[in-house]
N, C-alpha and C. Protein backbone atom coordinates (compact mmCIF):
# COMPACT_ATOMS: atom_id res chain seq x y z
N MET A 1 19.17 -210.53 -152.42
CA MET A 1 18.45 -209.48 -153.09
C MET A 1 17.58 -208.71 -152.12
N ALA A 2 17.02 -209.35 -151.16
CA ALA A 2 16.17 -208.70 -150.16
C ALA A 2 16.98 -207.72 -149.34
N ASP A 3 18.28 -208.09 -149.07
CA ASP A 3 19.13 -207.18 -148.32
C ASP A 3 19.41 -205.90 -149.12
N GLU A 4 19.56 -206.03 -150.42
CA GLU A 4 19.85 -204.85 -151.25
C GLU A 4 18.67 -203.89 -151.26
N LYS A 5 17.44 -204.41 -151.25
CA LYS A 5 16.26 -203.55 -151.26
C LYS A 5 16.15 -202.80 -149.95
N GLU A 6 16.57 -203.45 -148.85
CA GLU A 6 16.48 -202.80 -147.56
C GLU A 6 17.53 -201.71 -147.40
N LYS A 7 18.68 -201.86 -148.09
CA LYS A 7 19.75 -200.89 -147.97
C LYS A 7 19.50 -199.64 -148.81
N VAL A 8 18.62 -199.69 -149.76
CA VAL A 8 18.34 -198.53 -150.61
C VAL A 8 17.55 -197.52 -149.79
N GLN A 9 18.11 -196.34 -149.72
CA GLN A 9 17.41 -195.30 -148.96
C GLN A 9 16.32 -194.69 -149.82
N LYS A 10 15.23 -194.39 -149.15
CA LYS A 10 14.14 -193.71 -149.86
C LYS A 10 14.43 -192.21 -149.84
N VAL A 11 14.35 -191.61 -150.98
CA VAL A 11 14.54 -190.17 -151.11
C VAL A 11 13.19 -189.51 -150.89
N PRO A 12 13.11 -188.62 -149.93
CA PRO A 12 11.83 -187.97 -149.69
C PRO A 12 11.42 -187.15 -150.91
N GLN A 13 10.18 -187.27 -151.30
CA GLN A 13 9.65 -186.56 -152.46
C GLN A 13 8.90 -185.31 -151.98
N ARG A 14 9.13 -184.23 -152.66
CA ARG A 14 8.39 -183.02 -152.33
C ARG A 14 7.02 -183.10 -152.98
N SER A 15 6.06 -182.75 -152.19
CA SER A 15 4.71 -182.76 -152.75
C SER A 15 4.40 -181.38 -153.30
N GLY A 16 3.47 -181.30 -154.21
CA GLY A 16 3.07 -180.03 -154.80
C GLY A 16 2.46 -179.11 -153.75
N GLY A 17 1.97 -179.64 -152.67
CA GLY A 17 1.34 -178.84 -151.62
C GLY A 17 2.30 -177.88 -150.96
N VAL A 18 3.59 -178.25 -150.85
CA VAL A 18 4.57 -177.38 -150.22
C VAL A 18 4.75 -176.11 -151.04
N TYR A 19 4.91 -176.26 -152.37
CA TYR A 19 5.09 -175.12 -153.24
C TYR A 19 3.82 -174.28 -153.32
N ALA A 20 2.68 -174.94 -153.38
CA ALA A 20 1.40 -174.22 -153.44
C ALA A 20 1.19 -173.42 -152.15
N GLY A 21 1.53 -174.01 -151.02
CA GLY A 21 1.39 -173.32 -149.74
C GLY A 21 2.29 -172.10 -149.66
N LYS A 22 3.53 -172.25 -150.15
CA LYS A 22 4.48 -171.13 -150.14
C LYS A 22 3.99 -170.02 -151.08
N ALA A 23 3.48 -170.40 -152.24
CA ALA A 23 2.98 -169.42 -153.20
C ALA A 23 1.79 -168.66 -152.62
N LEU A 24 0.92 -169.37 -151.93
CA LEU A 24 -0.24 -168.74 -151.30
C LEU A 24 0.22 -167.76 -150.22
N LEU A 25 1.20 -168.17 -149.42
CA LEU A 25 1.73 -167.31 -148.37
C LEU A 25 2.35 -166.05 -148.96
N VAL A 26 3.13 -166.19 -150.02
CA VAL A 26 3.76 -165.04 -150.67
C VAL A 26 2.69 -164.11 -151.24
N THR A 27 1.68 -164.68 -151.87
CA THR A 27 0.60 -163.88 -152.46
C THR A 27 -0.15 -163.09 -151.39
N ILE A 28 -0.50 -163.75 -150.31
CA ILE A 28 -1.23 -163.07 -149.23
C ILE A 28 -0.36 -161.98 -148.60
N THR A 29 0.90 -162.27 -148.38
CA THR A 29 1.81 -161.29 -147.79
C THR A 29 1.95 -160.07 -148.69
N ILE A 30 2.11 -160.28 -149.98
CA ILE A 30 2.23 -159.17 -150.92
C ILE A 30 0.94 -158.36 -150.95
N LEU A 31 -0.19 -159.02 -150.96
CA LEU A 31 -1.48 -158.33 -150.98
C LEU A 31 -1.65 -157.46 -149.73
N VAL A 32 -1.35 -158.02 -148.57
CA VAL A 32 -1.46 -157.26 -147.32
C VAL A 32 -0.48 -156.09 -147.33
N SER A 33 0.75 -156.32 -147.79
CA SER A 33 1.76 -155.25 -147.83
C SER A 33 1.32 -154.11 -148.74
N VAL A 34 0.81 -154.44 -149.91
CA VAL A 34 0.37 -153.42 -150.86
C VAL A 34 -0.80 -152.63 -150.29
N LEU A 35 -1.77 -153.32 -149.72
CA LEU A 35 -2.92 -152.63 -149.14
C LEU A 35 -2.50 -151.72 -147.98
N PHE A 36 -1.64 -152.22 -147.12
CA PHE A 36 -1.20 -151.46 -145.96
C PHE A 36 -0.41 -150.22 -146.38
N THR A 37 0.60 -150.39 -147.23
CA THR A 37 1.42 -149.25 -147.62
C THR A 37 0.65 -148.28 -148.53
N SER A 38 -0.30 -148.79 -149.32
CA SER A 38 -1.14 -147.90 -150.12
C SER A 38 -1.99 -147.03 -149.21
N GLY A 39 -2.52 -147.64 -148.16
CA GLY A 39 -3.30 -146.87 -147.19
C GLY A 39 -2.48 -145.79 -146.55
N ILE A 40 -1.25 -146.10 -146.20
CA ILE A 40 -0.37 -145.10 -145.60
C ILE A 40 -0.08 -143.99 -146.61
N ALA A 41 0.24 -144.37 -147.86
CA ALA A 41 0.54 -143.36 -148.89
C ALA A 41 -0.67 -142.47 -149.14
N TYR A 42 -1.85 -143.06 -149.20
CA TYR A 42 -3.08 -142.28 -149.42
C TYR A 42 -3.31 -141.34 -148.24
N GLY A 43 -3.13 -141.85 -147.04
CA GLY A 43 -3.33 -141.03 -145.84
C GLY A 43 -2.37 -139.87 -145.78
N VAL A 44 -1.11 -140.11 -146.08
CA VAL A 44 -0.11 -139.03 -146.03
C VAL A 44 -0.40 -137.97 -147.08
N THR A 45 -0.77 -138.38 -148.29
CA THR A 45 -1.05 -137.39 -149.32
C THR A 45 -2.29 -136.59 -149.00
N ASN A 46 -3.23 -137.16 -148.25
CA ASN A 46 -4.44 -136.42 -147.89
C ASN A 46 -4.27 -135.59 -146.62
N VAL A 47 -3.35 -135.96 -145.74
CA VAL A 47 -3.10 -135.17 -144.54
C VAL A 47 -2.49 -133.84 -144.92
N VAL A 48 -1.58 -133.85 -145.86
CA VAL A 48 -0.89 -132.64 -146.27
C VAL A 48 -1.73 -131.90 -147.31
N GLY A 49 -2.35 -130.81 -146.89
CA GLY A 49 -3.11 -129.99 -147.83
C GLY A 49 -4.44 -130.58 -148.23
N GLY A 50 -5.01 -131.43 -147.39
CA GLY A 50 -6.31 -132.00 -147.72
C GLY A 50 -7.40 -130.97 -147.54
N GLY A 51 -8.56 -131.26 -148.08
CA GLY A 51 -9.70 -130.37 -147.93
C GLY A 51 -9.99 -129.61 -149.21
N PRO A 52 -11.06 -128.83 -149.17
CA PRO A 52 -11.44 -128.09 -150.37
C PRO A 52 -10.46 -126.98 -150.70
N VAL A 53 -10.31 -126.70 -151.98
CA VAL A 53 -9.41 -125.64 -152.44
C VAL A 53 -10.16 -124.31 -152.37
N VAL A 54 -9.54 -123.33 -151.72
CA VAL A 54 -10.15 -122.00 -151.54
C VAL A 54 -9.45 -121.01 -152.46
N GLU A 55 -10.23 -120.18 -153.17
CA GLU A 55 -9.66 -119.22 -154.10
C GLU A 55 -9.57 -117.82 -153.52
N GLY A 56 -9.98 -117.63 -152.28
CA GLY A 56 -9.87 -116.33 -151.64
C GLY A 56 -10.95 -115.37 -152.10
N VAL A 57 -10.90 -114.17 -151.53
CA VAL A 57 -11.87 -113.12 -151.83
C VAL A 57 -11.10 -111.91 -152.35
N PHE A 58 -11.60 -111.28 -153.44
CA PHE A 58 -10.94 -110.09 -153.96
C PHE A 58 -11.36 -108.87 -153.16
N VAL A 59 -10.36 -108.17 -152.59
CA VAL A 59 -10.58 -106.93 -151.85
C VAL A 59 -9.66 -105.88 -152.46
N ASN A 60 -10.25 -104.89 -153.15
CA ASN A 60 -9.47 -103.82 -153.80
C ASN A 60 -8.40 -104.37 -154.74
N GLY A 61 -8.74 -105.37 -155.53
CA GLY A 61 -7.82 -105.93 -156.51
C GLY A 61 -6.79 -106.90 -155.95
N VAL A 62 -6.89 -107.22 -154.68
CA VAL A 62 -5.96 -108.14 -154.04
C VAL A 62 -6.74 -109.37 -153.59
N ARG A 63 -6.23 -110.54 -153.92
CA ARG A 63 -6.87 -111.79 -153.48
C ARG A 63 -6.47 -112.03 -152.03
N GLU A 64 -7.47 -112.08 -151.14
CA GLU A 64 -7.19 -112.18 -149.72
C GLU A 64 -7.61 -113.54 -149.17
N PHE A 65 -6.71 -114.09 -148.34
CA PHE A 65 -6.97 -115.37 -147.66
C PHE A 65 -6.89 -115.16 -146.16
N GLU A 66 -7.93 -115.51 -145.44
CA GLU A 66 -7.90 -115.52 -143.98
C GLU A 66 -7.61 -116.95 -143.55
N ILE A 67 -6.47 -117.13 -142.90
CA ILE A 67 -6.00 -118.47 -142.53
C ILE A 67 -5.87 -118.56 -141.02
N GLN A 68 -6.45 -119.61 -140.45
CA GLN A 68 -6.29 -119.87 -139.02
C GLN A 68 -5.30 -121.01 -138.85
N ALA A 69 -4.37 -120.83 -137.92
CA ALA A 69 -3.39 -121.87 -137.59
C ALA A 69 -3.72 -122.38 -136.19
N GLN A 70 -3.79 -123.69 -136.06
CA GLN A 70 -3.97 -124.30 -134.73
C GLN A 70 -3.37 -125.67 -134.78
N GLN A 71 -3.11 -126.26 -133.61
CA GLN A 71 -2.43 -127.55 -133.60
C GLN A 71 -3.27 -128.55 -134.36
N TRP A 72 -2.87 -129.11 -135.29
CA TRP A 72 -1.72 -129.06 -136.16
C TRP A 72 -2.20 -128.93 -137.59
N VAL A 73 -3.02 -127.92 -137.83
CA VAL A 73 -3.62 -127.71 -139.15
C VAL A 73 -3.70 -126.22 -139.48
N TYR A 74 -3.79 -125.98 -140.79
CA TYR A 74 -4.16 -124.66 -141.29
C TYR A 74 -5.58 -124.77 -141.83
N THR A 75 -6.39 -123.75 -141.60
CA THR A 75 -7.73 -123.72 -142.17
C THR A 75 -7.89 -122.40 -142.89
N PRO A 76 -8.07 -122.40 -144.20
CA PRO A 76 -8.07 -123.55 -145.11
C PRO A 76 -6.64 -124.04 -145.36
N ALA A 77 -6.55 -125.29 -145.80
CA ALA A 77 -5.24 -125.91 -146.01
C ALA A 77 -4.85 -125.97 -147.48
N ALA A 78 -5.75 -125.59 -148.39
CA ALA A 78 -5.45 -125.62 -149.82
C ALA A 78 -5.92 -124.30 -150.44
N LEU A 79 -4.98 -123.57 -151.04
CA LEU A 79 -5.28 -122.27 -151.63
C LEU A 79 -4.98 -122.32 -153.12
N LYS A 80 -5.73 -121.53 -153.92
CA LYS A 80 -5.49 -121.49 -155.36
C LYS A 80 -5.34 -120.04 -155.80
N VAL A 81 -4.26 -119.78 -156.54
CA VAL A 81 -4.00 -118.46 -157.09
C VAL A 81 -3.51 -118.61 -158.53
N ASP A 82 -3.43 -117.49 -159.23
CA ASP A 82 -2.93 -117.49 -160.60
C ASP A 82 -1.61 -116.72 -160.65
N PRO A 83 -0.74 -117.06 -161.61
CA PRO A 83 0.49 -116.29 -161.75
C PRO A 83 0.15 -114.82 -162.00
N GLY A 84 0.88 -113.93 -161.35
CA GLY A 84 0.64 -112.50 -161.48
C GLY A 84 -0.33 -111.94 -160.46
N ASP A 85 -1.01 -112.79 -159.70
CA ASP A 85 -1.95 -112.32 -158.67
C ASP A 85 -1.22 -111.63 -157.54
N ARG A 86 -1.84 -110.59 -157.04
CA ARG A 86 -1.37 -109.97 -155.80
C ARG A 86 -2.21 -110.60 -154.71
N ILE A 87 -1.55 -111.20 -153.71
CA ILE A 87 -2.31 -111.90 -152.66
C ILE A 87 -1.94 -111.37 -151.28
N ARG A 88 -2.92 -111.46 -150.39
CA ARG A 88 -2.74 -111.01 -149.02
C ARG A 88 -3.12 -112.17 -148.10
N PHE A 89 -2.18 -112.50 -147.22
CA PHE A 89 -2.45 -113.51 -146.20
C PHE A 89 -2.76 -112.80 -144.89
N VAL A 90 -3.89 -113.13 -144.29
CA VAL A 90 -4.21 -112.66 -142.94
C VAL A 90 -4.22 -113.93 -142.10
N VAL A 91 -3.14 -114.14 -141.34
CA VAL A 91 -2.94 -115.40 -140.64
C VAL A 91 -3.01 -115.18 -139.13
N THR A 92 -3.77 -116.04 -138.45
CA THR A 92 -3.93 -115.93 -137.00
C THR A 92 -3.74 -117.29 -136.36
N SER A 93 -2.97 -117.33 -135.27
CA SER A 93 -2.83 -118.55 -134.49
C SER A 93 -3.97 -118.61 -133.48
N GLN A 94 -4.62 -119.76 -133.38
CA GLN A 94 -5.75 -119.92 -132.49
C GLN A 94 -5.37 -120.45 -131.11
N ASP A 95 -4.16 -121.00 -130.96
CA ASP A 95 -3.83 -121.64 -129.68
C ASP A 95 -2.44 -121.28 -129.15
N ILE A 96 -1.40 -121.70 -129.82
CA ILE A 96 -0.04 -121.45 -129.36
C ILE A 96 0.75 -120.79 -130.48
N MET A 97 2.01 -120.55 -130.25
CA MET A 97 2.85 -119.93 -131.28
C MET A 97 3.08 -120.92 -132.43
N HIS A 98 2.88 -120.44 -133.65
CA HIS A 98 3.10 -121.23 -134.86
C HIS A 98 3.90 -120.39 -135.84
N GLY A 99 4.27 -121.01 -136.93
CA GLY A 99 4.89 -120.31 -138.04
C GLY A 99 4.04 -120.50 -139.28
N PHE A 100 4.24 -119.63 -140.27
CA PHE A 100 3.57 -119.77 -141.57
C PHE A 100 4.61 -119.43 -142.62
N SER A 101 4.98 -120.43 -143.42
CA SER A 101 6.08 -120.23 -144.35
C SER A 101 5.76 -120.82 -145.72
N ILE A 102 6.11 -120.07 -146.76
CA ILE A 102 6.07 -120.55 -148.15
C ILE A 102 7.40 -120.11 -148.75
N ASN A 103 8.32 -121.03 -148.87
CA ASN A 103 9.69 -120.71 -149.31
C ASN A 103 9.73 -120.01 -150.66
N GLU A 104 8.98 -120.50 -151.63
CA GLU A 104 9.04 -119.98 -153.00
C GLU A 104 8.57 -118.53 -153.10
N LEU A 105 7.77 -118.09 -152.12
CA LEU A 105 7.26 -116.71 -152.15
C LEU A 105 7.98 -115.81 -151.14
N GLY A 106 8.94 -116.36 -150.42
CA GLY A 106 9.68 -115.58 -149.44
C GLY A 106 8.85 -115.20 -148.22
N VAL A 107 7.88 -116.04 -147.87
CA VAL A 107 7.01 -115.78 -146.73
C VAL A 107 7.48 -116.64 -145.56
N ASN A 108 7.72 -116.01 -144.39
CA ASN A 108 8.03 -116.73 -143.17
C ASN A 108 7.58 -115.87 -142.00
N LEU A 109 6.42 -116.20 -141.44
CA LEU A 109 5.82 -115.39 -140.39
C LEU A 109 5.81 -116.14 -139.07
N ALA A 110 6.03 -115.40 -137.98
CA ALA A 110 5.88 -115.95 -136.63
C ALA A 110 4.51 -115.51 -136.13
N LEU A 111 3.69 -116.47 -135.72
CA LEU A 111 2.31 -116.20 -135.32
C LEU A 111 2.14 -116.35 -133.82
N ASN A 112 1.84 -115.25 -133.15
CA ASN A 112 1.53 -115.30 -131.73
C ASN A 112 0.03 -115.58 -131.58
N PRO A 113 -0.36 -116.22 -130.49
CA PRO A 113 -1.79 -116.53 -130.31
C PRO A 113 -2.68 -115.29 -130.36
N ASP A 114 -3.78 -115.42 -131.12
CA ASP A 114 -4.83 -114.39 -131.24
C ASP A 114 -4.34 -113.05 -131.78
N VAL A 115 -3.21 -113.02 -132.47
CA VAL A 115 -2.72 -111.79 -133.10
C VAL A 115 -2.66 -112.05 -134.60
N GLY A 116 -3.47 -111.32 -135.36
CA GLY A 116 -3.48 -111.51 -136.82
C GLY A 116 -2.28 -110.85 -137.46
N ILE A 117 -1.61 -111.55 -138.32
CA ILE A 117 -0.46 -111.03 -139.07
C ILE A 117 -0.90 -110.91 -140.52
N VAL A 118 -0.60 -109.77 -141.14
CA VAL A 118 -0.96 -109.54 -142.53
C VAL A 118 0.31 -109.48 -143.35
N ARG A 119 0.33 -110.22 -144.45
CA ARG A 119 1.49 -110.22 -145.35
C ARG A 119 0.98 -110.22 -146.78
N GLU A 120 1.47 -109.30 -147.59
CA GLU A 120 1.05 -109.20 -148.97
C GLU A 120 2.21 -109.54 -149.88
N VAL A 121 1.97 -110.39 -150.87
CA VAL A 121 3.00 -110.79 -151.83
C VAL A 121 2.39 -110.83 -153.22
N GLU A 122 3.26 -110.81 -154.21
CA GLU A 122 2.80 -110.94 -155.58
C GLU A 122 3.38 -112.22 -156.17
N ILE A 123 2.53 -112.98 -156.81
CA ILE A 123 2.99 -114.21 -157.48
C ILE A 123 3.66 -113.78 -158.79
N PRO A 124 4.94 -114.08 -158.97
CA PRO A 124 5.62 -113.69 -160.22
C PRO A 124 4.95 -114.33 -161.44
N LEU A 125 4.88 -113.56 -162.52
CA LEU A 125 4.28 -114.07 -163.75
C LEU A 125 5.03 -115.28 -164.29
N ASP A 126 6.36 -115.31 -164.08
CA ASP A 126 7.16 -116.40 -164.62
C ASP A 126 7.29 -117.58 -163.66
N MET A 127 6.55 -117.55 -162.53
CA MET A 127 6.63 -118.67 -161.57
C MET A 127 5.97 -119.89 -162.20
N PRO A 128 6.65 -121.04 -162.19
CA PRO A 128 6.08 -122.24 -162.79
C PRO A 128 4.77 -122.65 -162.10
N GLU A 129 3.79 -123.02 -162.92
CA GLU A 129 2.54 -123.52 -162.36
C GLU A 129 2.81 -124.82 -161.64
N GLY A 130 2.17 -125.01 -160.50
CA GLY A 130 2.39 -126.23 -159.75
C GLY A 130 1.84 -126.13 -158.34
N THR A 131 2.19 -127.11 -157.54
CA THR A 131 1.74 -127.18 -156.16
C THR A 131 2.92 -126.86 -155.25
N TYR A 132 2.76 -125.90 -154.38
CA TYR A 132 3.80 -125.48 -153.46
C TYR A 132 3.32 -125.71 -152.03
N THR A 133 4.25 -125.89 -151.12
CA THR A 133 3.90 -126.23 -149.73
C THR A 133 3.98 -125.01 -148.83
N MET A 134 2.94 -124.86 -148.00
CA MET A 134 3.02 -123.91 -146.89
C MET A 134 3.12 -124.76 -145.63
N TYR A 135 3.96 -124.33 -144.71
CA TYR A 135 4.22 -125.18 -143.55
C TYR A 135 4.49 -124.34 -142.32
N CYS A 136 4.38 -124.99 -141.16
CA CYS A 136 4.68 -124.35 -139.88
C CYS A 136 6.20 -124.34 -139.70
N SER A 137 6.75 -123.16 -139.47
CA SER A 137 8.21 -123.04 -139.35
C SER A 137 8.68 -122.88 -137.90
N ILE A 138 7.75 -122.98 -136.94
CA ILE A 138 8.10 -122.90 -135.53
C ILE A 138 7.57 -124.14 -134.84
N PHE A 139 8.44 -124.88 -134.15
CA PHE A 139 8.02 -126.13 -133.52
C PHE A 139 6.83 -125.89 -132.60
N CYS A 140 5.77 -126.70 -132.79
CA CYS A 140 4.51 -126.49 -132.07
C CYS A 140 3.99 -127.76 -131.41
N GLY A 141 4.81 -128.78 -131.29
CA GLY A 141 4.38 -130.01 -130.63
C GLY A 141 4.57 -131.23 -131.50
N ILE A 142 4.01 -132.34 -131.05
CA ILE A 142 4.25 -133.63 -131.69
C ILE A 142 3.74 -133.69 -133.13
N GLY A 143 2.71 -132.94 -133.46
CA GLY A 143 2.17 -132.96 -134.82
C GLY A 143 2.78 -131.93 -135.75
N HIS A 144 3.82 -131.24 -135.29
CA HIS A 144 4.46 -130.17 -136.07
C HIS A 144 4.85 -130.59 -137.50
N PRO A 145 5.46 -131.77 -137.69
CA PRO A 145 5.87 -132.12 -139.06
C PRO A 145 4.71 -132.25 -140.04
N TYR A 146 3.50 -132.42 -139.52
CA TYR A 146 2.33 -132.63 -140.38
C TYR A 146 1.52 -131.36 -140.56
N MET A 147 1.95 -130.26 -139.98
CA MET A 147 1.22 -129.00 -140.11
C MET A 147 1.64 -128.35 -141.41
N LYS A 148 0.96 -128.75 -142.47
CA LYS A 148 1.28 -128.29 -143.81
C LYS A 148 0.01 -128.02 -144.58
N GLY A 149 0.15 -127.28 -145.62
CA GLY A 149 -0.93 -127.02 -146.55
C GLY A 149 -0.33 -126.85 -147.93
N ILE A 150 -1.17 -126.57 -148.91
CA ILE A 150 -0.67 -126.40 -150.27
C ILE A 150 -1.21 -125.11 -150.86
N ILE A 151 -0.45 -124.57 -151.78
CA ILE A 151 -0.90 -123.44 -152.57
C ILE A 151 -0.73 -123.84 -154.04
N LEU A 152 -1.84 -123.87 -154.75
CA LEU A 152 -1.83 -124.23 -156.17
C LEU A 152 -1.67 -122.95 -156.98
N ILE A 153 -0.65 -122.91 -157.80
CA ILE A 153 -0.44 -121.74 -158.65
C ILE A 153 -0.75 -122.14 -160.08
N GLY A 154 -1.72 -121.47 -160.67
CA GLY A 154 -2.16 -121.77 -162.03
C GLY A 154 -2.95 -123.06 -162.08
N GLU A 155 -2.83 -123.73 -163.19
CA GLU A 155 -3.50 -125.02 -163.40
C GLU A 155 -2.43 -126.10 -163.54
N PRO A 156 -1.95 -126.66 -162.42
CA PRO A 156 -0.87 -127.64 -162.51
C PRO A 156 -1.31 -128.86 -163.33
N SER A 157 -0.40 -129.31 -164.16
CA SER A 157 -0.67 -130.53 -164.92
C SER A 157 -0.21 -131.72 -164.09
N PHE A 158 0.11 -132.81 -164.72
CA PHE A 158 0.56 -134.02 -164.03
C PHE A 158 1.74 -133.70 -163.12
N GLU A 159 1.67 -134.19 -161.89
CA GLU A 159 2.76 -133.98 -160.94
C GLU A 159 3.22 -135.33 -160.41
N ILE A 160 4.49 -135.59 -160.51
CA ILE A 160 5.06 -136.87 -160.08
C ILE A 160 4.87 -137.08 -158.58
N GLY A 161 4.83 -136.02 -157.80
CA GLY A 161 4.69 -136.14 -156.36
C GLY A 161 3.41 -136.80 -155.92
N LYS A 162 2.36 -136.72 -156.74
CA LYS A 162 1.10 -137.35 -156.38
C LYS A 162 1.11 -138.85 -156.66
N VAL A 163 1.95 -139.28 -157.59
CA VAL A 163 2.02 -140.69 -157.97
C VAL A 163 3.12 -141.42 -157.21
N LEU A 164 4.11 -140.69 -156.77
CA LEU A 164 5.29 -141.28 -156.15
C LEU A 164 5.01 -142.23 -154.98
N PRO A 165 4.14 -141.89 -154.02
CA PRO A 165 3.91 -142.83 -152.91
C PRO A 165 3.36 -144.17 -153.38
N TYR A 166 2.49 -144.13 -154.40
CA TYR A 166 1.91 -145.37 -154.90
C TYR A 166 2.94 -146.18 -155.69
N ALA A 167 3.78 -145.50 -156.46
CA ALA A 167 4.84 -146.18 -157.20
C ALA A 167 5.82 -146.84 -156.22
N ALA A 168 6.13 -146.14 -155.14
CA ALA A 168 7.03 -146.71 -154.13
C ALA A 168 6.43 -147.96 -153.51
N THR A 169 5.12 -147.97 -153.31
CA THR A 169 4.43 -149.13 -152.76
C THR A 169 4.57 -150.33 -153.68
N VAL A 170 4.34 -150.12 -154.96
CA VAL A 170 4.43 -151.22 -155.93
C VAL A 170 5.86 -151.74 -156.02
N ILE A 171 6.84 -150.84 -156.03
CA ILE A 171 8.25 -151.26 -156.09
C ILE A 171 8.62 -152.06 -154.85
N MET A 172 8.17 -151.61 -153.67
CA MET A 172 8.47 -152.32 -152.43
C MET A 172 7.87 -153.73 -152.45
N ALA A 173 6.64 -153.85 -152.90
CA ALA A 173 6.00 -155.16 -152.95
C ALA A 173 6.72 -156.07 -153.95
N GLY A 174 7.15 -155.53 -155.08
CA GLY A 174 7.89 -156.32 -156.06
C GLY A 174 9.22 -156.80 -155.52
N MET A 175 9.93 -155.91 -154.82
CA MET A 175 11.21 -156.31 -154.23
C MET A 175 11.00 -157.39 -153.17
N PHE A 176 9.96 -157.23 -152.38
CA PHE A 176 9.65 -158.23 -151.36
C PHE A 176 9.41 -159.60 -152.01
N ALA A 177 8.62 -159.61 -153.08
CA ALA A 177 8.33 -160.87 -153.77
C ALA A 177 9.61 -161.50 -154.32
N ILE A 178 10.49 -160.69 -154.89
CA ILE A 178 11.74 -161.20 -155.43
C ILE A 178 12.59 -161.81 -154.33
N PHE A 179 12.69 -161.13 -153.19
CA PHE A 179 13.49 -161.65 -152.07
C PHE A 179 12.92 -162.95 -151.53
N VAL A 180 11.60 -163.05 -151.47
CA VAL A 180 10.97 -164.29 -150.99
C VAL A 180 11.25 -165.43 -151.95
N VAL A 181 11.13 -165.17 -153.24
CA VAL A 181 11.38 -166.22 -154.24
C VAL A 181 12.85 -166.64 -154.21
N ILE A 182 13.76 -165.68 -154.15
CA ILE A 182 15.19 -166.01 -154.10
C ILE A 182 15.51 -166.77 -152.82
N GLY A 183 14.93 -166.32 -151.70
CA GLY A 183 15.17 -166.98 -150.41
C GLY A 183 14.63 -168.41 -150.40
N GLY A 184 13.60 -168.70 -151.18
CA GLY A 184 13.01 -170.03 -151.22
C GLY A 184 13.81 -171.02 -152.06
N ARG A 185 14.85 -170.56 -152.74
CA ARG A 185 15.64 -171.42 -153.63
C ARG A 185 16.93 -171.89 -152.96
N LYS A 186 16.91 -172.11 -151.70
CA LYS A 186 18.13 -172.57 -151.01
C LYS A 186 18.47 -173.99 -151.43
N GLU A 187 19.76 -174.21 -151.57
CA GLU A 187 20.25 -175.57 -151.84
C GLU A 187 20.16 -176.40 -150.56
N ARG A 188 19.69 -177.60 -150.68
CA ARG A 188 19.58 -178.47 -149.50
C ARG A 188 20.56 -179.61 -149.61
């Protein structure tokens, strides 16, 4: 009988600490991932068109905006107009050659340094209220992709574009958690 007891192999038992440790690791990783990607999403949404919204100055019935372009920003970077407004952009590059473009309004200007360009457009009455992008259309260096601003037309309501980066963060963290849980269920 003593020989039989010695031949019985002991099956290693998993302790609760292994699962608790893995759960803690997954929780911390998800928390760090969410905080990190949320910070990136917040930063990107504020880099593009950040700053106070400027409504321009009325000159002879035309809303006028004086905009300075320099590496890699527009000042001001956020403009507000109403549908039906006649607007005038007076745009000047402060350093090197830049572009100033708003696709929806048919604006695409080449800006030479220290030369003011004037462009007048009318916002169509039937143009949907919302946020539109103004951007540099001439390569101006490493920060070129971030040289953007916004033009608010009317009173935009809820816009999915403002929520999308945060929703993507939550989805990414959820997928990560699922993959970690699935990966932890390996057959041994």
